[in-house]
Amino acid sequence: MPTIINKNDIANYINFQAQPTAWHTVTQAQINKFADCTLDHQFIHVDEEKAKQTLFGSTIAHGFYRCLCYLILLKILVSLLMAFIWG
């Protein structure tokens, strides 16, 4: 869970070096579920054997999956901003 910084303490965080967050590993199960939701069952996303024969060498996540991850991150950032402003 992120740390909420009180607006009175924000000056203490000038030049603060944040640590990177953990990686998010996208699994084939997540890709398959996303394909089900979007009805996009192109082989490059869901057929592991056929996808091995491509330049990628494996399946790849949908481009829109990445956008969805950005939207989730945006929701978290907005929540933190709201807490900062009204906290």
N, C-alpha and C. Protein backbone atom coordinates (compact mmCIF):
# COMPACT_ATOMS: atom_id res chain seq x y z
N MET A 1 0.84 -1.18 0.00
CA MET A 1 0.00 0.00 0.00
C MET A 1 0.88 1.24 0.00
N PRO A 2 0.55 2.22 -0.81
CA PRO A 2 1.35 3.44 -0.87
C PRO A 2 1.27 4.24 0.43
N THR A 3 2.30 5.00 0.67
CA THR A 3 2.32 5.89 1.83
C THR A 3 1.65 7.21 1.45
N ILE A 4 0.72 7.64 2.26
CA ILE A 4 0.06 8.92 2.03
C ILE A 4 0.87 9.99 2.74
N ILE A 5 1.26 11.01 2.00
CA ILE A 5 2.06 12.10 2.56
C ILE A 5 1.12 13.25 2.89
N ASN A 6 1.19 13.72 4.10
CA ASN A 6 0.40 14.88 4.51
C ASN A 6 0.90 16.09 3.75
N LYS A 7 -0.03 16.94 3.29
CA LYS A 7 0.38 18.09 2.49
C LYS A 7 1.30 19.03 3.24
N ASN A 8 1.26 19.04 4.56
CA ASN A 8 2.17 19.89 5.34
C ASN A 8 3.60 19.36 5.32
N ASP A 9 3.77 18.08 4.97
CA ASP A 9 5.10 17.47 4.95
C ASP A 9 5.70 17.37 3.55
N ILE A 10 4.99 17.86 2.55
CA ILE A 10 5.43 17.67 1.17
C ILE A 10 6.80 18.27 0.90
N ALA A 11 7.14 19.36 1.53
CA ALA A 11 8.44 20.00 1.32
C ALA A 11 9.59 19.09 1.73
N ASN A 12 9.34 18.18 2.66
CA ASN A 12 10.37 17.24 3.10
C ASN A 12 10.72 16.22 2.02
N TYR A 13 9.91 16.14 0.97
CA TYR A 13 10.12 15.13 -0.07
C TYR A 13 10.73 15.71 -1.35
N ILE A 14 11.17 16.93 -1.33
CA ILE A 14 11.87 17.49 -2.48
C ILE A 14 13.16 16.71 -2.66
N ASN A 15 13.42 16.28 -3.89
CA ASN A 15 14.59 15.45 -4.27
C ASN A 15 14.54 14.04 -3.69
N PHE A 16 13.38 13.62 -3.22
CA PHE A 16 13.23 12.25 -2.70
C PHE A 16 13.38 11.25 -3.84
N GLN A 17 14.18 10.22 -3.63
CA GLN A 17 14.39 9.17 -4.62
C GLN A 17 13.51 7.97 -4.26
N ALA A 18 12.44 7.79 -4.98
CA ALA A 18 11.54 6.66 -4.72
C ALA A 18 12.15 5.38 -5.25
N GLN A 19 11.84 4.28 -4.60
CA GLN A 19 12.31 2.97 -5.04
C GLN A 19 11.35 2.43 -6.11
N PRO A 20 11.88 1.70 -7.07
CA PRO A 20 10.99 1.13 -8.08
C PRO A 20 10.04 0.11 -7.45
N THR A 21 8.88 -0.02 -8.04
CA THR A 21 7.91 -1.00 -7.55
C THR A 21 8.23 -2.37 -8.15
N ALA A 22 7.56 -3.37 -7.65
CA ALA A 22 7.78 -4.73 -8.14
C ALA A 22 7.23 -4.85 -9.57
N TRP A 23 7.83 -5.76 -10.32
CA TRP A 23 7.36 -6.06 -11.67
C TRP A 23 6.00 -6.72 -11.60
N HIS A 24 5.22 -6.51 -12.63
CA HIS A 24 3.94 -7.21 -12.78
C HIS A 24 4.11 -8.20 -13.93
N THR A 25 4.08 -9.47 -13.63
CA THR A 25 4.21 -10.50 -14.65
C THR A 25 2.84 -10.80 -15.24
N VAL A 26 2.74 -10.67 -16.55
CA VAL A 26 1.50 -10.99 -17.23
C VAL A 26 1.53 -12.47 -17.57
N THR A 27 0.53 -13.19 -17.10
CA THR A 27 0.49 -14.64 -17.34
C THR A 27 -0.36 -14.95 -18.57
N GLN A 28 -0.18 -16.15 -19.09
CA GLN A 28 -1.00 -16.58 -20.23
C GLN A 28 -2.46 -16.65 -19.83
N ALA A 29 -2.73 -17.03 -18.59
CA ALA A 29 -4.12 -17.07 -18.11
C ALA A 29 -4.76 -15.69 -18.17
N GLN A 30 -4.01 -14.65 -17.80
CA GLN A 30 -4.54 -13.28 -17.87
C GLN A 30 -4.80 -12.87 -19.31
N ILE A 31 -3.87 -13.23 -20.20
CA ILE A 31 -4.04 -12.91 -21.61
C ILE A 31 -5.28 -13.61 -22.16
N ASN A 32 -5.45 -14.88 -21.79
CA ASN A 32 -6.62 -15.64 -22.27
C ASN A 32 -7.93 -15.03 -21.76
N LYS A 33 -7.94 -14.64 -20.49
CA LYS A 33 -9.15 -14.02 -19.94
C LYS A 33 -9.44 -12.68 -20.63
N PHE A 34 -8.39 -11.92 -20.91
CA PHE A 34 -8.57 -10.66 -21.61
C PHE A 34 -9.11 -10.91 -23.02
N ALA A 35 -8.61 -11.96 -23.67
CA ALA A 35 -9.11 -12.33 -25.00
C ALA A 35 -10.60 -12.68 -24.94
N ASP A 36 -11.00 -13.36 -23.88
CA ASP A 36 -12.42 -13.69 -23.71
C ASP A 36 -13.26 -12.42 -23.55
N CYS A 37 -12.75 -11.47 -22.80
CA CYS A 37 -13.51 -10.22 -22.55
C CYS A 37 -13.63 -9.37 -23.81
N THR A 38 -12.58 -9.36 -24.61
CA THR A 38 -12.56 -8.48 -25.78
C THR A 38 -12.94 -9.20 -27.07
N LEU A 39 -13.15 -10.51 -26.97
CA LEU A 39 -13.46 -11.35 -28.14
C LEU A 39 -12.33 -11.32 -29.17
N ASP A 40 -11.12 -11.06 -28.72
CA ASP A 40 -9.94 -11.02 -29.60
C ASP A 40 -9.11 -12.27 -29.35
N HIS A 41 -9.40 -13.31 -30.10
CA HIS A 41 -8.71 -14.59 -29.91
C HIS A 41 -7.72 -14.85 -31.04
N GLN A 42 -7.05 -13.79 -31.50
CA GLN A 42 -6.01 -13.98 -32.52
C GLN A 42 -4.95 -14.93 -31.97
N PHE A 43 -4.43 -15.79 -32.85
CA PHE A 43 -3.50 -16.83 -32.41
C PHE A 43 -2.29 -16.26 -31.68
N ILE A 44 -1.84 -15.07 -32.08
CA ILE A 44 -0.63 -14.49 -31.47
C ILE A 44 -0.83 -14.22 -29.98
N HIS A 45 -2.08 -14.15 -29.54
CA HIS A 45 -2.37 -13.94 -28.13
C HIS A 45 -2.63 -15.24 -27.38
N VAL A 46 -3.30 -16.19 -28.01
CA VAL A 46 -3.81 -17.34 -27.25
C VAL A 46 -3.29 -18.71 -27.66
N ASP A 47 -2.70 -18.83 -28.84
CA ASP A 47 -2.22 -20.14 -29.30
C ASP A 47 -0.70 -20.23 -29.10
N GLU A 48 -0.29 -20.82 -27.99
CA GLU A 48 1.14 -20.84 -27.64
C GLU A 48 1.99 -21.58 -28.67
N GLU A 49 1.49 -22.67 -29.20
CA GLU A 49 2.25 -23.46 -30.18
C GLU A 49 2.43 -22.70 -31.49
N LYS A 50 1.37 -22.14 -31.99
CA LYS A 50 1.44 -21.39 -33.25
C LYS A 50 2.26 -20.11 -33.08
N ALA A 51 2.13 -19.48 -31.93
CA ALA A 51 2.87 -18.23 -31.67
C ALA A 51 4.38 -18.47 -31.57
N LYS A 52 4.79 -19.68 -31.20
CA LYS A 52 6.23 -20.00 -31.14
C LYS A 52 6.89 -19.88 -32.50
N GLN A 53 6.12 -20.01 -33.56
CA GLN A 53 6.66 -19.98 -34.92
C GLN A 53 6.80 -18.55 -35.47
N THR A 54 6.39 -17.56 -34.69
CA THR A 54 6.48 -16.17 -35.14
C THR A 54 7.80 -15.55 -34.72
N LEU A 55 8.03 -14.33 -35.15
CA LEU A 55 9.24 -13.60 -34.74
C LEU A 55 9.30 -13.36 -33.24
N PHE A 56 8.13 -13.31 -32.59
CA PHE A 56 8.08 -13.07 -31.15
C PHE A 56 8.52 -14.31 -30.36
N GLY A 57 8.27 -15.49 -30.91
CA GLY A 57 8.67 -16.73 -30.25
C GLY A 57 7.72 -17.19 -29.17
N SER A 58 6.68 -16.44 -28.92
CA SER A 58 5.68 -16.82 -27.92
C SER A 58 4.47 -15.93 -28.11
N THR A 59 3.46 -16.15 -27.28
CA THR A 59 2.28 -15.28 -27.35
C THR A 59 2.65 -13.90 -26.82
N ILE A 60 1.85 -12.93 -27.20
CA ILE A 60 2.06 -11.57 -26.71
C ILE A 60 0.74 -11.05 -26.16
N ALA A 61 0.84 -10.16 -25.20
CA ALA A 61 -0.36 -9.56 -24.60
C ALA A 61 -0.99 -8.60 -25.60
N HIS A 62 -2.27 -8.41 -25.48
CA HIS A 62 -3.00 -7.46 -26.31
C HIS A 62 -2.50 -6.05 -26.03
N GLY A 63 -2.47 -5.22 -27.05
CA GLY A 63 -2.08 -3.83 -26.85
C GLY A 63 -3.02 -3.11 -25.90
N PHE A 64 -4.29 -3.43 -25.98
CA PHE A 64 -5.26 -2.77 -25.11
C PHE A 64 -5.11 -3.21 -23.65
N TYR A 65 -4.54 -4.39 -23.43
CA TYR A 65 -4.27 -4.84 -22.05
C TYR A 65 -3.35 -3.84 -21.36
N ARG A 66 -2.37 -3.36 -22.10
CA ARG A 66 -1.44 -2.37 -21.57
C ARG A 66 -2.18 -1.08 -21.21
N CYS A 67 -3.08 -0.65 -22.09
CA CYS A 67 -3.88 0.55 -21.81
C CYS A 67 -4.71 0.36 -20.56
N LEU A 68 -5.27 -0.82 -20.39
CA LEU A 68 -6.06 -1.11 -19.20
C LEU A 68 -5.20 -0.99 -17.95
N CYS A 69 -3.97 -1.47 -18.02
CA CYS A 69 -3.06 -1.35 -16.87
C CYS A 69 -2.79 0.11 -16.54
N TYR A 70 -2.67 0.95 -17.58
CA TYR A 70 -2.47 2.38 -17.35
C TYR A 70 -3.69 3.01 -16.68
N LEU A 71 -4.87 2.57 -17.08
CA LEU A 71 -6.09 3.09 -16.45
C LEU A 71 -6.16 2.71 -14.98
N ILE A 72 -5.74 1.49 -14.65
CA ILE A 72 -5.73 1.06 -13.25
C ILE A 72 -4.73 1.91 -12.47
N LEU A 73 -3.57 2.16 -13.05
CA LEU A 73 -2.57 3.01 -12.40
C LEU A 73 -3.11 4.42 -12.22
N LEU A 74 -3.79 4.93 -13.22
CA LEU A 74 -4.38 6.27 -13.13
C LEU A 74 -5.39 6.34 -11.99
N LYS A 75 -6.20 5.31 -11.84
CA LYS A 75 -7.18 5.28 -10.76
C LYS A 75 -6.49 5.36 -9.40
N ILE A 76 -5.39 4.63 -9.25
CA ILE A 76 -4.63 4.65 -8.00
C ILE A 76 -4.05 6.05 -7.76
N LEU A 77 -3.48 6.64 -8.81
CA LEU A 77 -2.88 7.97 -8.66
C LEU A 77 -3.93 9.03 -8.31
N VAL A 78 -5.09 8.94 -8.92
CA VAL A 78 -6.16 9.89 -8.61
C VAL A 78 -6.60 9.72 -7.16
N SER A 79 -6.71 8.48 -6.69
CA SER A 79 -7.09 8.23 -5.30
C SER A 79 -6.06 8.84 -4.35
N LEU A 80 -4.78 8.68 -4.68
CA LEU A 80 -3.73 9.26 -3.84
C LEU A 80 -3.78 10.78 -3.85
N LEU A 81 -4.02 11.34 -5.03
CA LEU A 81 -4.12 12.79 -5.14
C LEU A 81 -5.29 13.33 -4.34
N MET A 82 -6.41 12.64 -4.42
CA MET A 82 -7.60 13.06 -3.64
C MET A 82 -7.30 13.00 -2.13
N ALA A 83 -6.62 11.95 -1.72
CA ALA A 83 -6.27 11.82 -0.30
C ALA A 83 -5.31 12.95 0.11
N PHE A 84 -4.40 13.30 -0.79
CA PHE A 84 -3.45 14.36 -0.50
C PHE A 84 -4.16 15.71 -0.38
N ILE A 85 -5.05 15.98 -1.32
CA ILE A 85 -5.74 17.27 -1.33
C ILE A 85 -6.68 17.40 -0.13
N TRP A 86 -7.46 16.36 0.13
CA TRP A 86 -8.46 16.45 1.19
C TRP A 86 -8.05 15.74 2.47
N GLY A 87 -6.86 15.13 2.45
CA GLY A 87 -6.41 14.36 3.62
C GLY A 87 -5.84 15.24 4.66
